Amino acid sequence: MDREETYKMRVTRSGKTETWWLCLPYNMILESVQEQYDWGADAVELEWMPNISREQFHDRLPKPY
């Protein structure tokens, strides 16, 4: 499996922007971008987050209570 990369993905659709955080191999990041366009996104921006490790990424996820 390829090395995981952390990206912030901003998806704009119908004038509204959502932010997604991804920690996946690069080829899967590209697939996610294509999926957003397939689902009707007007624009997709990626911001590479090289200083966030996989562990830090998972620590930021909401915890079930």
N, C-alpha and C. Protein backbone atom coordinates (compact mmCIF):
# COMPACT_ATOMS: atom_id res chain seq x y z
N MET A 1 0.85 -1.18 0.00
CA MET A 1 0.00 0.00 0.00
C MET A 1 0.89 1.24 0.00
N ASP A 2 0.47 2.24 -0.74
CA ASP A 2 1.22 3.49 -0.79
C ASP A 2 1.18 4.22 0.55
N ARG A 3 2.11 5.12 0.71
CA ARG A 3 2.16 5.95 1.91
C ARG A 3 0.93 6.86 1.96
N GLU A 4 0.35 6.99 3.13
CA GLU A 4 -0.82 7.85 3.28
C GLU A 4 -0.40 9.31 3.33
N GLU A 5 -1.19 10.15 2.72
CA GLU A 5 -0.99 11.59 2.72
C GLU A 5 -2.20 12.24 3.36
N THR A 6 -2.01 13.38 4.00
CA THR A 6 -3.12 14.10 4.61
C THR A 6 -3.38 15.36 3.81
N TYR A 7 -4.65 15.53 3.43
CA TYR A 7 -5.07 16.68 2.64
C TYR A 7 -6.35 17.26 3.22
N LYS A 8 -6.49 18.57 3.04
CA LYS A 8 -7.77 19.22 3.29
C LYS A 8 -8.38 19.45 1.90
N MET A 9 -9.61 18.99 1.72
CA MET A 9 -10.28 19.11 0.43
C MET A 9 -11.49 20.03 0.61
N ARG A 10 -11.52 21.09 -0.17
CA ARG A 10 -12.67 22.01 -0.17
C ARG A 10 -13.47 21.75 -1.44
N VAL A 11 -14.76 21.44 -1.24
CA VAL A 11 -15.65 21.12 -2.35
C VAL A 11 -16.72 22.20 -2.45
N THR A 12 -16.81 22.85 -3.61
CA THR A 12 -17.83 23.87 -3.84
C THR A 12 -18.88 23.31 -4.79
N ARG A 13 -20.12 23.42 -4.33
CA ARG A 13 -21.26 22.92 -5.11
C ARG A 13 -22.41 23.90 -4.88
N SER A 14 -22.93 24.45 -5.94
CA SER A 14 -24.06 25.38 -5.87
C SER A 14 -23.79 26.54 -4.92
N GLY A 15 -22.58 27.07 -4.96
CA GLY A 15 -22.23 28.23 -4.15
C GLY A 15 -21.92 27.95 -2.69
N LYS A 16 -21.99 26.69 -2.26
CA LYS A 16 -21.68 26.32 -0.88
C LYS A 16 -20.40 25.49 -0.86
N THR A 17 -19.56 25.74 0.13
CA THR A 17 -18.29 25.03 0.23
C THR A 17 -18.27 24.15 1.49
N GLU A 18 -17.90 22.91 1.30
CA GLU A 18 -17.71 21.96 2.40
C GLU A 18 -16.23 21.65 2.51
N THR A 19 -15.77 21.39 3.71
CA THR A 19 -14.38 21.00 3.93
C THR A 19 -14.34 19.54 4.38
N TRP A 20 -13.50 18.77 3.71
CA TRP A 20 -13.28 17.36 4.03
C TRP A 20 -11.81 17.19 4.37
N TRP A 21 -11.51 16.33 5.33
CA TRP A 21 -10.14 15.96 5.66
C TRP A 21 -9.93 14.53 5.21
N LEU A 22 -8.85 14.30 4.48
CA LEU A 22 -8.56 12.97 3.95
C LEU A 22 -7.17 12.52 4.37
N CYS A 23 -7.06 11.27 4.77
CA CYS A 23 -5.77 10.66 5.06
C CYS A 23 -5.78 9.31 4.35
N LEU A 24 -5.30 9.35 3.10
CA LEU A 24 -5.37 8.20 2.20
C LEU A 24 -4.14 8.17 1.32
N PRO A 25 -3.88 7.05 0.66
CA PRO A 25 -2.84 7.04 -0.36
C PRO A 25 -3.21 8.03 -1.48
N TYR A 26 -2.21 8.59 -2.13
CA TYR A 26 -2.43 9.65 -3.11
C TYR A 26 -3.39 9.25 -4.23
N ASN A 27 -3.29 8.01 -4.71
CA ASN A 27 -4.19 7.60 -5.79
C ASN A 27 -5.65 7.59 -5.33
N MET A 28 -5.90 7.30 -4.07
CA MET A 28 -7.26 7.34 -3.54
C MET A 28 -7.74 8.78 -3.35
N ILE A 29 -6.81 9.69 -3.03
CA ILE A 29 -7.15 11.11 -2.94
C ILE A 29 -7.66 11.58 -4.31
N LEU A 30 -6.94 11.22 -5.37
CA LEU A 30 -7.35 11.61 -6.72
C LEU A 30 -8.71 11.01 -7.09
N GLU A 31 -8.97 9.79 -6.67
CA GLU A 31 -10.27 9.16 -6.92
C GLU A 31 -11.37 9.93 -6.19
N SER A 32 -11.08 10.39 -4.97
CA SER A 32 -12.06 11.17 -4.20
C SER A 32 -12.39 12.48 -4.89
N VAL A 33 -11.37 13.12 -5.46
CA VAL A 33 -11.59 14.36 -6.20
C VAL A 33 -12.50 14.09 -7.40
N GLN A 34 -12.20 13.04 -8.15
CA GLN A 34 -13.02 12.71 -9.32
C GLN A 34 -14.46 12.40 -8.92
N GLU A 35 -14.64 11.69 -7.79
CA GLU A 35 -15.99 11.39 -7.31
C GLU A 35 -16.76 12.67 -7.03
N GLN A 36 -16.09 13.66 -6.44
CA GLN A 36 -16.78 14.92 -6.15
C GLN A 36 -17.27 15.57 -7.43
N TYR A 37 -16.44 15.57 -8.47
CA TYR A 37 -16.88 16.12 -9.76
C TYR A 37 -18.02 15.29 -10.35
N ASP A 38 -17.93 13.96 -10.22
CA ASP A 38 -18.99 13.09 -10.72
C ASP A 38 -20.31 13.38 -10.01
N TRP A 39 -20.24 13.80 -8.73
CA TRP A 39 -21.43 14.09 -7.93
C TRP A 39 -21.89 15.54 -8.08
N GLY A 40 -21.28 16.29 -9.00
CA GLY A 40 -21.76 17.62 -9.31
C GLY A 40 -21.00 18.78 -8.71
N ALA A 41 -19.80 18.56 -8.22
CA ALA A 41 -19.02 19.67 -7.66
C ALA A 41 -18.65 20.66 -8.75
N ASP A 42 -18.71 21.95 -8.40
CA ASP A 42 -18.28 23.00 -9.32
C ASP A 42 -16.77 23.18 -9.26
N ALA A 43 -16.20 22.98 -8.07
CA ALA A 43 -14.74 23.12 -7.89
C ALA A 43 -14.30 22.26 -6.71
N VAL A 44 -13.07 21.77 -6.80
CA VAL A 44 -12.45 21.01 -5.73
C VAL A 44 -11.04 21.54 -5.55
N GLU A 45 -10.72 21.96 -4.31
CA GLU A 45 -9.37 22.44 -4.00
C GLU A 45 -8.74 21.47 -3.01
N LEU A 46 -7.47 21.15 -3.23
CA LEU A 46 -6.72 20.32 -2.30
C LEU A 46 -5.62 21.14 -1.66
N GLU A 47 -5.46 20.94 -0.37
CA GLU A 47 -4.34 21.56 0.35
C GLU A 47 -3.59 20.45 1.08
N TRP A 48 -2.37 20.24 0.69
CA TRP A 48 -1.55 19.19 1.31
C TRP A 48 -1.16 19.63 2.71
N MET A 49 -1.29 18.74 3.67
CA MET A 49 -0.98 19.02 5.07
C MET A 49 0.20 18.13 5.49
N PRO A 50 1.43 18.48 5.07
CA PRO A 50 2.58 17.59 5.29
C PRO A 50 2.98 17.45 6.76
N ASN A 51 2.55 18.37 7.61
CA ASN A 51 2.98 18.34 9.00
C ASN A 51 2.00 17.61 9.92
N ILE A 52 0.97 17.00 9.34
CA ILE A 52 0.00 16.25 10.14
C ILE A 52 0.24 14.77 9.90
N SER A 53 0.58 14.06 10.95
CA SER A 53 0.81 12.61 10.83
C SER A 53 -0.53 11.87 10.84
N ARG A 54 -0.48 10.60 10.50
CA ARG A 54 -1.68 9.77 10.51
C ARG A 54 -2.30 9.75 11.92
N GLU A 55 -1.46 9.65 12.93
CA GLU A 55 -1.95 9.62 14.30
C GLU A 55 -2.63 10.93 14.68
N GLN A 56 -2.03 12.04 14.30
CA GLN A 56 -2.63 13.35 14.57
C GLN A 56 -3.96 13.49 13.84
N PHE A 57 -4.01 13.00 12.62
CA PHE A 57 -5.25 13.04 11.85
C PHE A 57 -6.35 12.29 12.59
N HIS A 58 -6.05 11.07 13.03
CA HIS A 58 -7.04 10.26 13.72
C HIS A 58 -7.41 10.84 15.07
N ASP A 59 -6.49 11.53 15.73
CA ASP A 59 -6.81 12.18 17.00
C ASP A 59 -7.83 13.30 16.82
N ARG A 60 -7.89 13.90 15.63
CA ARG A 60 -8.82 15.00 15.36
C ARG A 60 -10.23 14.53 15.01
N LEU A 61 -10.39 13.25 14.72
CA LEU A 61 -11.72 12.74 14.38
C LEU A 61 -12.64 12.78 15.59
N PRO A 62 -13.94 13.01 15.36
CA PRO A 62 -14.89 13.00 16.49
C PRO A 62 -14.88 11.65 17.18
N LYS A 63 -14.95 11.66 18.49
CA LYS A 63 -14.94 10.43 19.28
C LYS A 63 -16.37 10.04 19.62
N PRO A 64 -16.70 8.76 19.50
CA PRO A 64 -18.04 8.31 19.91
C PRO A 64 -18.14 8.36 21.44
N TYR A 65 -19.29 8.74 21.90
CA TYR A 65 -19.49 8.82 23.37
C TYR A 65 -20.33 7.69 23.87
